[in-house]
Amino acid sequence: MRRTERYQVKGANSLWNMYDTVSFWKVMKCFIIITIGRFVPSLRVKNWLYRTFLKMKIGKQTSLALMVMPDTMFPERISVGDNTVIGFNTTILAHEYLIEEYRLGDVVIGSNVMIGANSTVLPGVEIGDGAIVSAATLVHRDIPPGCMAGGNPMRIIYTAEQMAERKRTDNPQWHNG
């Protein structure tokens, strides 16, 4: 289940009225910083830009690959743990503007998470520590720690227990005993 706050709008669709919900200047600043960050090859510089100017919470040694697109309106609602990889061209949304309402939700991505290229993470979702998200996945609900999820619609492919067993049997060099 996604955890979002819902706000009704009257008249034109909610996106048409977006500047009633977020400052034009904030959106411009976020858009400029994100556009620069999407092309910056240095992970340290990119993380510094996003932490400093967008107030995103990004952990140590986390890698946002080329062209990753954080939310341009509410990036401060995105939190990413340590040592996580977010793949090429992934979009992380903290908002949804619909016809009669808009929704806001925090996105929490744990530590040691791998999100494959071209995925989309929707608002109000939590991805647990050690989870793996396959490429081109629409993350529309929570992913428990240690699981592998993928597809559209997204489903759990392997539970944490199944992943541990796969590592143990498929890769004996990972097993010390």
N, C-alpha and C. Protein backbone atom coordinates (compact mmCIF):
# COMPACT_ATOMS: atom_id res chain seq x y z
N MET A 1 0.83 -1.18 0.00
CA MET A 1 0.00 0.00 0.00
C MET A 1 0.89 1.26 0.00
N ARG A 2 0.54 2.20 -0.82
CA ARG A 2 1.28 3.45 -0.86
C ARG A 2 0.71 4.41 0.17
N ARG A 3 1.60 5.16 0.79
CA ARG A 3 1.21 6.14 1.79
C ARG A 3 1.28 7.53 1.15
N THR A 4 0.13 8.05 0.72
CA THR A 4 0.09 9.37 0.11
C THR A 4 -0.95 10.23 0.80
N GLU A 5 -0.69 11.53 0.78
CA GLU A 5 -1.67 12.51 1.23
C GLU A 5 -2.44 12.95 -0.01
N ARG A 6 -3.76 13.01 0.09
CA ARG A 6 -4.60 13.33 -1.06
C ARG A 6 -5.23 14.71 -0.86
N TYR A 7 -5.19 15.52 -1.92
CA TYR A 7 -5.73 16.87 -1.88
C TYR A 7 -6.67 17.07 -3.07
N GLN A 8 -7.93 17.35 -2.79
CA GLN A 8 -8.93 17.59 -3.84
C GLN A 8 -8.71 18.96 -4.48
N VAL A 9 -9.03 19.06 -5.77
CA VAL A 9 -9.00 20.35 -6.48
C VAL A 9 -10.34 20.56 -7.17
N LYS A 10 -10.66 21.80 -7.40
CA LYS A 10 -11.90 22.14 -8.11
C LYS A 10 -11.53 22.87 -9.40
N GLY A 11 -12.36 22.72 -10.40
CA GLY A 11 -12.10 23.39 -11.67
C GLY A 11 -11.17 22.58 -12.54
N ALA A 12 -10.18 23.26 -13.10
CA ALA A 12 -9.24 22.60 -14.01
C ALA A 12 -8.46 21.50 -13.29
N ASN A 13 -7.86 20.59 -14.05
CA ASN A 13 -7.10 19.48 -13.47
C ASN A 13 -6.00 20.00 -12.54
N SER A 14 -5.55 19.14 -11.66
CA SER A 14 -4.62 19.56 -10.61
C SER A 14 -3.27 20.03 -11.16
N LEU A 15 -2.81 19.46 -12.27
CA LEU A 15 -1.54 19.91 -12.83
C LEU A 15 -1.64 21.34 -13.36
N TRP A 16 -2.79 21.68 -13.92
CA TRP A 16 -3.02 23.05 -14.39
C TRP A 16 -2.88 24.04 -13.24
N ASN A 17 -3.19 23.60 -12.04
CA ASN A 17 -3.14 24.45 -10.84
C ASN A 17 -1.93 24.16 -9.96
N MET A 18 -0.88 23.56 -10.52
CA MET A 18 0.24 23.12 -9.69
C MET A 18 0.90 24.25 -8.90
N TYR A 19 0.92 25.45 -9.45
CA TYR A 19 1.60 26.53 -8.74
C TYR A 19 0.79 27.07 -7.57
N ASP A 20 -0.40 26.54 -7.37
CA ASP A 20 -1.13 26.79 -6.12
C ASP A 20 -0.61 25.87 -5.02
N THR A 21 0.10 24.80 -5.42
CA THR A 21 0.57 23.81 -4.44
C THR A 21 2.07 23.85 -4.21
N VAL A 22 2.80 24.40 -5.17
CA VAL A 22 4.26 24.48 -5.05
C VAL A 22 4.71 25.74 -5.79
N SER A 23 5.68 26.41 -5.25
CA SER A 23 6.17 27.67 -5.82
C SER A 23 6.81 27.45 -7.20
N PHE A 24 6.49 28.33 -8.13
CA PHE A 24 7.11 28.32 -9.45
C PHE A 24 8.62 28.38 -9.32
N TRP A 25 9.14 29.21 -8.42
CA TRP A 25 10.58 29.39 -8.27
C TRP A 25 11.24 28.14 -7.70
N LYS A 26 10.53 27.44 -6.80
CA LYS A 26 11.07 26.18 -6.29
C LYS A 26 11.17 25.16 -7.43
N VAL A 27 10.15 25.06 -8.25
CA VAL A 27 10.17 24.12 -9.36
C VAL A 27 11.30 24.48 -10.33
N MET A 28 11.48 25.75 -10.62
CA MET A 28 12.56 26.17 -11.52
C MET A 28 13.92 25.79 -10.95
N LYS A 29 14.13 26.09 -9.65
CA LYS A 29 15.41 25.75 -9.01
C LYS A 29 15.64 24.24 -9.07
N CYS A 30 14.63 23.46 -8.69
CA CYS A 30 14.78 22.00 -8.71
C CYS A 30 15.05 21.49 -10.12
N PHE A 31 14.33 22.03 -11.10
CA PHE A 31 14.51 21.60 -12.49
C PHE A 31 15.93 21.87 -12.96
N ILE A 32 16.47 23.04 -12.64
CA ILE A 32 17.83 23.39 -13.07
C ILE A 32 18.85 22.49 -12.40
N ILE A 33 18.74 22.30 -11.08
CA ILE A 33 19.69 21.45 -10.35
C ILE A 33 19.61 20.00 -10.84
N ILE A 34 18.40 19.49 -11.03
CA ILE A 34 18.24 18.11 -11.49
C ILE A 34 18.77 17.95 -12.91
N THR A 35 18.52 18.93 -13.77
CA THR A 35 19.02 18.85 -15.14
C THR A 35 20.55 18.80 -15.15
N ILE A 36 21.17 19.60 -14.32
CA ILE A 36 22.64 19.54 -14.20
C ILE A 36 23.05 18.19 -13.65
N GLY A 37 22.41 17.76 -12.58
CA GLY A 37 22.75 16.50 -11.93
C GLY A 37 22.58 15.27 -12.81
N ARG A 38 21.60 15.28 -13.68
CA ARG A 38 21.37 14.13 -14.56
C ARG A 38 22.56 13.86 -15.49
N PHE A 39 23.32 14.92 -15.79
CA PHE A 39 24.44 14.78 -16.73
C PHE A 39 25.81 14.80 -16.06
N VAL A 40 25.86 15.13 -14.78
CA VAL A 40 27.15 15.20 -14.08
C VAL A 40 27.71 13.79 -13.92
N PRO A 41 28.93 13.55 -14.41
CA PRO A 41 29.49 12.20 -14.30
C PRO A 41 30.03 11.87 -12.90
N SER A 42 30.25 12.87 -12.07
CA SER A 42 30.79 12.62 -10.73
C SER A 42 29.65 12.34 -9.75
N LEU A 43 29.67 11.15 -9.16
CA LEU A 43 28.64 10.79 -8.18
C LEU A 43 28.72 11.68 -6.94
N ARG A 44 29.94 12.02 -6.52
CA ARG A 44 30.10 12.90 -5.35
C ARG A 44 29.48 14.27 -5.59
N VAL A 45 29.73 14.84 -6.76
CA VAL A 45 29.18 16.16 -7.09
C VAL A 45 27.66 16.09 -7.18
N LYS A 46 27.16 15.07 -7.86
CA LYS A 46 25.70 14.90 -8.00
C LYS A 46 25.04 14.79 -6.63
N ASN A 47 25.58 13.93 -5.75
CA ASN A 47 25.01 13.77 -4.42
C ASN A 47 25.08 15.08 -3.63
N TRP A 48 26.18 15.80 -3.75
CA TRP A 48 26.32 17.10 -3.07
C TRP A 48 25.26 18.08 -3.58
N LEU A 49 25.07 18.15 -4.88
CA LEU A 49 24.06 19.05 -5.45
C LEU A 49 22.68 18.72 -4.89
N TYR A 50 22.32 17.45 -4.90
CA TYR A 50 20.98 17.04 -4.47
C TYR A 50 20.78 17.22 -2.97
N ARG A 51 21.82 16.91 -2.18
CA ARG A 51 21.71 17.11 -0.73
C ARG A 51 21.62 18.60 -0.38
N THR A 52 22.49 19.40 -1.01
CA THR A 52 22.62 20.82 -0.66
C THR A 52 21.45 21.66 -1.15
N PHE A 53 21.10 21.51 -2.42
CA PHE A 53 20.12 22.41 -3.01
C PHE A 53 18.70 21.85 -3.04
N LEU A 54 18.54 20.54 -3.01
CA LEU A 54 17.21 19.94 -3.07
C LEU A 54 16.76 19.35 -1.74
N LYS A 55 17.68 19.29 -0.77
CA LYS A 55 17.39 18.73 0.55
C LYS A 55 16.98 17.26 0.50
N MET A 56 17.47 16.55 -0.53
CA MET A 56 17.26 15.10 -0.57
C MET A 56 18.16 14.44 0.47
N LYS A 57 17.69 13.35 1.02
CA LYS A 57 18.50 12.57 1.96
C LYS A 57 19.14 11.44 1.15
N ILE A 58 20.45 11.53 0.96
CA ILE A 58 21.18 10.54 0.17
C ILE A 58 22.32 10.01 1.02
N GLY A 59 22.36 8.70 1.20
CA GLY A 59 23.35 8.06 2.05
C GLY A 59 24.74 8.04 1.45
N LYS A 60 25.68 7.55 2.26
CA LYS A 60 27.08 7.44 1.85
C LYS A 60 27.22 6.42 0.73
N GLN A 61 28.09 6.72 -0.21
CA GLN A 61 28.45 5.84 -1.32
C GLN A 61 27.24 5.37 -2.13
N THR A 62 26.19 6.19 -2.16
CA THR A 62 25.04 5.89 -2.99
C THR A 62 25.28 6.44 -4.38
N SER A 63 24.85 5.69 -5.38
CA SER A 63 25.11 6.03 -6.78
C SER A 63 23.80 6.25 -7.53
N LEU A 64 23.58 7.47 -7.98
CA LEU A 64 22.48 7.76 -8.88
C LEU A 64 23.08 7.84 -10.27
N ALA A 65 22.76 6.87 -11.11
CA ALA A 65 23.38 6.76 -12.42
C ALA A 65 22.98 7.94 -13.32
N LEU A 66 23.61 7.97 -14.47
CA LEU A 66 23.32 8.98 -15.48
C LEU A 66 21.82 9.00 -15.78
N MET A 67 21.27 10.19 -15.87
CA MET A 67 19.89 10.45 -16.27
C MET A 67 18.82 10.07 -15.24
N VAL A 68 19.20 9.72 -14.02
CA VAL A 68 18.20 9.48 -12.98
C VAL A 68 17.42 10.77 -12.78
N MET A 69 16.09 10.66 -12.67
CA MET A 69 15.22 11.83 -12.57
C MET A 69 14.49 11.85 -11.23
N PRO A 70 15.04 12.56 -10.23
CA PRO A 70 14.31 12.73 -8.98
C PRO A 70 13.12 13.68 -9.19
N ASP A 71 12.18 13.64 -8.29
CA ASP A 71 11.00 14.50 -8.35
C ASP A 71 11.41 15.97 -8.44
N THR A 72 10.83 16.70 -9.39
CA THR A 72 11.20 18.11 -9.60
C THR A 72 10.41 19.07 -8.72
N MET A 73 9.37 18.59 -8.05
CA MET A 73 8.55 19.48 -7.23
C MET A 73 8.75 19.27 -5.74
N PHE A 74 8.98 18.03 -5.34
CA PHE A 74 9.12 17.72 -3.91
C PHE A 74 10.30 16.76 -3.68
N PRO A 75 11.50 17.12 -4.13
CA PRO A 75 12.64 16.21 -3.97
C PRO A 75 13.01 15.97 -2.51
N GLU A 76 12.67 16.90 -1.64
CA GLU A 76 12.98 16.75 -0.21
C GLU A 76 12.22 15.58 0.41
N ARG A 77 11.25 15.02 -0.30
CA ARG A 77 10.48 13.89 0.21
C ARG A 77 11.08 12.55 -0.23
N ILE A 78 12.28 12.60 -0.80
CA ILE A 78 12.98 11.38 -1.23
C ILE A 78 14.14 11.11 -0.28
N SER A 79 14.23 9.87 0.18
CA SER A 79 15.30 9.45 1.07
C SER A 79 15.91 8.15 0.52
N VAL A 80 17.24 8.15 0.40
CA VAL A 80 17.96 6.97 -0.13
C VAL A 80 19.05 6.61 0.87
N GLY A 81 19.13 5.34 1.24
CA GLY A 81 20.12 4.89 2.21
C GLY A 81 21.53 4.80 1.64
N ASP A 82 22.40 4.17 2.41
CA ASP A 82 23.81 4.02 2.05
C ASP A 82 24.02 2.92 1.00
N ASN A 83 25.04 3.11 0.16
CA ASN A 83 25.53 2.08 -0.75
C ASN A 83 24.45 1.53 -1.68
N THR A 84 23.56 2.40 -2.11
CA THR A 84 22.47 2.01 -3.01
C THR A 84 22.81 2.45 -4.42
N VAL A 85 22.35 1.67 -5.41
CA VAL A 85 22.53 2.00 -6.82
C VAL A 85 21.16 2.20 -7.44
N ILE A 86 20.98 3.37 -8.05
CA ILE A 86 19.75 3.66 -8.79
C ILE A 86 20.13 3.77 -10.25
N GLY A 87 19.59 2.86 -11.06
CA GLY A 87 20.02 2.68 -12.44
C GLY A 87 19.61 3.78 -13.40
N PHE A 88 20.27 3.77 -14.54
CA PHE A 88 20.11 4.73 -15.63
C PHE A 88 18.63 5.04 -15.90
N ASN A 89 18.34 6.32 -15.99
CA ASN A 89 17.04 6.83 -16.44
C ASN A 89 15.88 6.44 -15.54
N THR A 90 16.15 6.12 -14.30
CA THR A 90 15.07 5.81 -13.36
C THR A 90 14.43 7.12 -12.90
N THR A 91 13.11 7.09 -12.71
CA THR A 91 12.35 8.24 -12.23
C THR A 91 11.85 7.93 -10.82
N ILE A 92 12.03 8.89 -9.91
CA ILE A 92 11.55 8.75 -8.54
C ILE A 92 10.58 9.90 -8.28
N LEU A 93 9.30 9.57 -8.12
CA LEU A 93 8.26 10.58 -7.96
C LEU A 93 7.79 10.66 -6.51
N ALA A 94 7.60 11.87 -6.02
CA ALA A 94 7.01 12.09 -4.70
C ALA A 94 5.65 12.78 -4.84
N HIS A 95 5.21 12.98 -6.07
CA HIS A 95 3.91 13.61 -6.33
C HIS A 95 3.20 12.94 -7.49
N GLU A 96 1.88 13.08 -7.50
CA GLU A 96 1.05 12.68 -8.63
C GLU A 96 -0.01 13.77 -8.80
N TYR A 97 -0.08 14.35 -9.98
CA TYR A 97 -1.14 15.32 -10.27
C TYR A 97 -2.15 14.62 -11.16
N LEU A 98 -3.37 14.49 -10.67
CA LEU A 98 -4.44 13.79 -11.37
C LEU A 98 -5.52 14.80 -11.79
N ILE A 99 -6.63 14.32 -12.30
CA ILE A 99 -7.68 15.23 -12.76
C ILE A 99 -8.31 15.99 -11.59
N GLU A 100 -8.80 15.28 -10.60
CA GLU A 100 -9.56 15.92 -9.51
C GLU A 100 -8.80 16.02 -8.19
N GLU A 101 -7.56 15.55 -8.17
CA GLU A 101 -6.79 15.61 -6.94
C GLU A 101 -5.31 15.52 -7.27
N TYR A 102 -4.50 15.87 -6.28
CA TYR A 102 -3.08 15.58 -6.36
C TYR A 102 -2.69 14.85 -5.10
N ARG A 103 -1.61 14.07 -5.19
CA ARG A 103 -1.16 13.25 -4.08
C ARG A 103 0.32 13.49 -3.84
N LEU A 104 0.70 13.51 -2.59
CA LEU A 104 2.10 13.64 -2.19
C LEU A 104 2.44 12.46 -1.28
N GLY A 105 3.65 11.94 -1.43
CA GLY A 105 4.06 10.84 -0.57
C GLY A 105 5.57 10.72 -0.50
N ASP A 106 6.07 10.41 0.68
CA ASP A 106 7.50 10.20 0.85
C ASP A 106 7.93 8.92 0.15
N VAL A 107 9.11 8.95 -0.43
CA VAL A 107 9.72 7.76 -1.02
C VAL A 107 10.93 7.42 -0.16
N VAL A 108 10.95 6.22 0.36
CA VAL A 108 12.05 5.77 1.21
C VAL A 108 12.69 4.56 0.54
N ILE A 109 13.95 4.73 0.15
CA ILE A 109 14.72 3.66 -0.47
C ILE A 109 15.84 3.31 0.51
N GLY A 110 15.91 2.06 0.90
CA GLY A 110 16.84 1.63 1.94
C GLY A 110 18.29 1.60 1.49
N SER A 111 19.11 1.01 2.33
CA SER A 111 20.54 0.83 2.06
C SER A 111 20.76 -0.46 1.29
N ASN A 112 21.84 -0.49 0.50
CA ASN A 112 22.23 -1.67 -0.27
C ASN A 112 21.11 -2.15 -1.21
N VAL A 113 20.39 -1.19 -1.77
CA VAL A 113 19.31 -1.49 -2.71
C VAL A 113 19.86 -1.32 -4.13
N MET A 114 19.39 -2.15 -5.04
CA MET A 114 19.73 -2.03 -6.46
C MET A 114 18.43 -1.83 -7.22
N ILE A 115 18.32 -0.68 -7.90
CA ILE A 115 17.16 -0.41 -8.75
C ILE A 115 17.65 -0.39 -10.19
N GLY A 116 17.11 -1.28 -11.01
CA GLY A 116 17.54 -1.40 -12.40
C GLY A 116 17.12 -0.21 -13.25
N ALA A 117 17.76 -0.09 -14.40
CA ALA A 117 17.54 1.02 -15.32
C ALA A 117 16.09 1.12 -15.76
N ASN A 118 15.70 2.36 -16.06
CA ASN A 118 14.38 2.66 -16.63
C ASN A 118 13.21 2.26 -15.74
N SER A 119 13.42 2.25 -14.45
CA SER A 119 12.34 1.97 -13.51
C SER A 119 11.67 3.28 -13.11
N THR A 120 10.45 3.15 -12.57
CA THR A 120 9.72 4.31 -12.03
C THR A 120 9.26 3.95 -10.64
N VAL A 121 9.57 4.81 -9.68
CA VAL A 121 9.16 4.63 -8.29
C VAL A 121 8.09 5.68 -8.01
N LEU A 122 6.91 5.23 -7.59
CA LEU A 122 5.79 6.12 -7.34
C LEU A 122 5.80 6.65 -5.91
N PRO A 123 5.08 7.74 -5.65
CA PRO A 123 5.06 8.34 -4.32
C PRO A 123 4.48 7.40 -3.26
N GLY A 124 4.99 7.54 -2.04
CA GLY A 124 4.46 6.79 -0.92
C GLY A 124 4.96 5.37 -0.81
N VAL A 125 6.04 5.05 -1.52
CA VAL A 125 6.56 3.68 -1.56
C VAL A 125 7.81 3.57 -0.71
N GLU A 126 7.99 2.41 -0.09
CA GLU A 126 9.21 2.11 0.66
C GLU A 126 9.84 0.86 0.07
N ILE A 127 11.14 0.96 -0.23
CA ILE A 127 11.92 -0.18 -0.73
C ILE A 127 12.90 -0.55 0.37
N GLY A 128 12.76 -1.75 0.90
CA GLY A 128 13.54 -2.17 2.07
C GLY A 128 15.01 -2.40 1.77
N ASP A 129 15.81 -2.39 2.83
CA ASP A 129 17.25 -2.64 2.73
C ASP A 129 17.53 -3.93 1.97
N GLY A 130 18.53 -3.88 1.08
CA GLY A 130 18.98 -5.07 0.38
C GLY A 130 18.05 -5.56 -0.73
N ALA A 131 17.00 -4.81 -1.05
CA ALA A 131 16.08 -5.23 -2.11
C ALA A 131 16.71 -5.01 -3.48
N ILE A 132 16.24 -5.77 -4.44
CA ILE A 132 16.65 -5.63 -5.84
C ILE A 132 15.40 -5.39 -6.66
N VAL A 133 15.44 -4.37 -7.52
CA VAL A 133 14.33 -4.06 -8.42
C VAL A 133 14.85 -4.25 -9.83
N SER A 134 14.22 -5.13 -10.59
CA SER A 134 14.69 -5.39 -11.96
C SER A 134 14.42 -4.18 -12.85
N ALA A 135 15.13 -4.12 -13.96
CA ALA A 135 15.01 -3.00 -14.89
C ALA A 135 13.57 -2.87 -15.39
N ALA A 136 13.18 -1.63 -15.69
CA ALA A 136 11.89 -1.29 -16.29
C ALA A 136 10.70 -1.68 -15.41
N THR A 137 10.88 -1.61 -14.11
CA THR A 137 9.81 -1.94 -13.17
C THR A 137 9.06 -0.68 -12.74
N LEU A 138 7.75 -0.80 -12.63
CA LEU A 138 6.92 0.25 -12.04
C LEU A 138 6.70 -0.12 -10.58
N VAL A 139 7.40 0.58 -9.69
CA VAL A 139 7.31 0.28 -8.26
C VAL A 139 6.09 1.04 -7.71
N HIS A 140 4.99 0.32 -7.59
CA HIS A 140 3.71 0.91 -7.18
C HIS A 140 3.28 0.50 -5.78
N ARG A 141 4.12 -0.27 -5.11
CA ARG A 141 3.85 -0.67 -3.73
C ARG A 141 5.17 -0.99 -3.05
N ASP A 142 5.13 -1.17 -1.74
CA ASP A 142 6.34 -1.43 -0.97
C ASP A 142 7.01 -2.73 -1.41
N ILE A 143 8.34 -2.75 -1.25
CA ILE A 143 9.12 -3.97 -1.48
C ILE A 143 9.82 -4.29 -0.16
N PRO A 144 9.56 -5.47 0.39
CA PRO A 144 10.19 -5.82 1.67
C PRO A 144 11.71 -5.94 1.54
N PRO A 145 12.42 -5.81 2.66
CA PRO A 145 13.88 -5.94 2.66
C PRO A 145 14.31 -7.29 2.07
N GLY A 146 15.40 -7.25 1.29
CA GLY A 146 16.02 -8.47 0.79
C GLY A 146 15.33 -9.15 -0.37
N CYS A 147 14.18 -8.64 -0.79
CA CYS A 147 13.43 -9.28 -1.88
C CYS A 147 13.93 -8.82 -3.24
N MET A 148 13.58 -9.60 -4.26
CA MET A 148 13.76 -9.17 -5.64
C MET A 148 12.37 -9.00 -6.23
N ALA A 149 12.14 -7.82 -6.83
CA ALA A 149 10.85 -7.52 -7.42
C ALA A 149 11.06 -7.03 -8.84
N GLY A 150 10.02 -7.18 -9.65
CA GLY A 150 10.13 -6.69 -11.01
C GLY A 150 8.83 -6.81 -11.76
N GLY A 151 8.83 -6.19 -12.93
CA GLY A 151 7.72 -6.31 -13.85
C GLY A 151 6.74 -5.15 -13.78
N ASN A 152 5.74 -5.26 -14.64
CA ASN A 152 4.65 -4.29 -14.69
C ASN A 152 3.39 -5.06 -15.07
N PRO A 153 2.52 -5.39 -14.10
CA PRO A 153 2.58 -4.90 -12.73
C PRO A 153 3.71 -5.58 -11.95
N MET A 154 4.27 -4.83 -11.02
CA MET A 154 5.37 -5.34 -10.21
C MET A 154 4.88 -6.49 -9.34
N ARG A 155 5.75 -7.47 -9.20
CA ARG A 155 5.47 -8.57 -8.28
C ARG A 155 6.77 -8.96 -7.60
N ILE A 156 6.66 -9.64 -6.48
CA ILE A 156 7.84 -10.15 -5.79
C ILE A 156 8.27 -11.42 -6.54
N ILE A 157 9.49 -11.41 -7.03
CA ILE A 157 10.02 -12.54 -7.79
C ILE A 157 10.65 -13.55 -6.83
N TYR A 158 11.44 -13.05 -5.88
CA TYR A 158 12.05 -13.89 -4.85
C TYR A 158 11.91 -13.19 -3.50
N THR A 159 11.54 -13.95 -2.48
CA THR A 159 11.51 -13.42 -1.12
C THR A 159 12.94 -13.29 -0.61
N ALA A 160 13.11 -12.66 0.53
CA ALA A 160 14.45 -12.53 1.13
C ALA A 160 15.05 -13.90 1.41
N GLU A 161 14.24 -14.83 1.86
CA GLU A 161 14.73 -16.19 2.15
C GLU A 161 15.17 -16.89 0.87
N GLN A 162 14.40 -16.73 -0.19
CA GLN A 162 14.76 -17.36 -1.47
C GLN A 162 16.04 -16.72 -2.03
N MET A 163 16.19 -15.42 -1.86
CA MET A 163 17.41 -14.73 -2.33
C MET A 163 18.62 -15.24 -1.56
N ALA A 164 18.48 -15.41 -0.25
CA ALA A 164 19.60 -15.91 0.57
C ALA A 164 19.98 -17.32 0.12
N GLU A 165 19.00 -18.14 -0.16
CA GLU A 165 19.26 -19.51 -0.62
C GLU A 165 19.94 -19.50 -1.99
N ARG A 166 19.49 -18.64 -2.87
CA ARG A 166 20.11 -18.53 -4.20
C ARG A 166 21.58 -18.13 -4.08
N LYS A 167 21.86 -17.17 -3.23
CA LYS A 167 23.26 -16.74 -3.05
C LYS A 167 24.10 -17.89 -2.50
N ARG A 168 23.53 -18.63 -1.57
CA ARG A 168 24.25 -19.73 -0.95
C ARG A 168 24.52 -20.86 -1.94
N THR A 169 23.54 -21.23 -2.75
CA THR A 169 23.69 -22.37 -3.65
C THR A 169 24.28 -21.99 -5.01
N ASP A 170 23.95 -20.83 -5.53
CA ASP A 170 24.44 -20.43 -6.86
C ASP A 170 25.85 -19.86 -6.82
N ASN A 171 26.26 -19.35 -5.68
CA ASN A 171 27.55 -18.68 -5.57
C ASN A 171 28.27 -19.17 -4.33
N PRO A 172 28.85 -20.36 -4.38
CA PRO A 172 29.50 -20.92 -3.19
C PRO A 172 30.60 -20.03 -2.63
N GLN A 173 31.21 -19.17 -3.45
CA GLN A 173 32.26 -18.29 -2.93
C GLN A 173 31.69 -17.26 -1.95
N TRP A 174 30.37 -17.04 -1.96
CA TRP A 174 29.76 -16.10 -1.03
C TRP A 174 29.49 -16.75 0.32
N HIS A 175 29.56 -18.06 0.36
CA HIS A 175 29.25 -18.79 1.57
C HIS A 175 30.55 -19.17 2.29
N ASN A 176 30.65 -18.80 3.54
CA ASN A 176 31.87 -19.06 4.30
C ASN A 176 31.73 -20.26 5.22
N GLY A 177 31.00 -21.24 4.88
CA GLY A 177 30.91 -22.25 5.86
C GLY A 177 30.52 -23.57 5.44
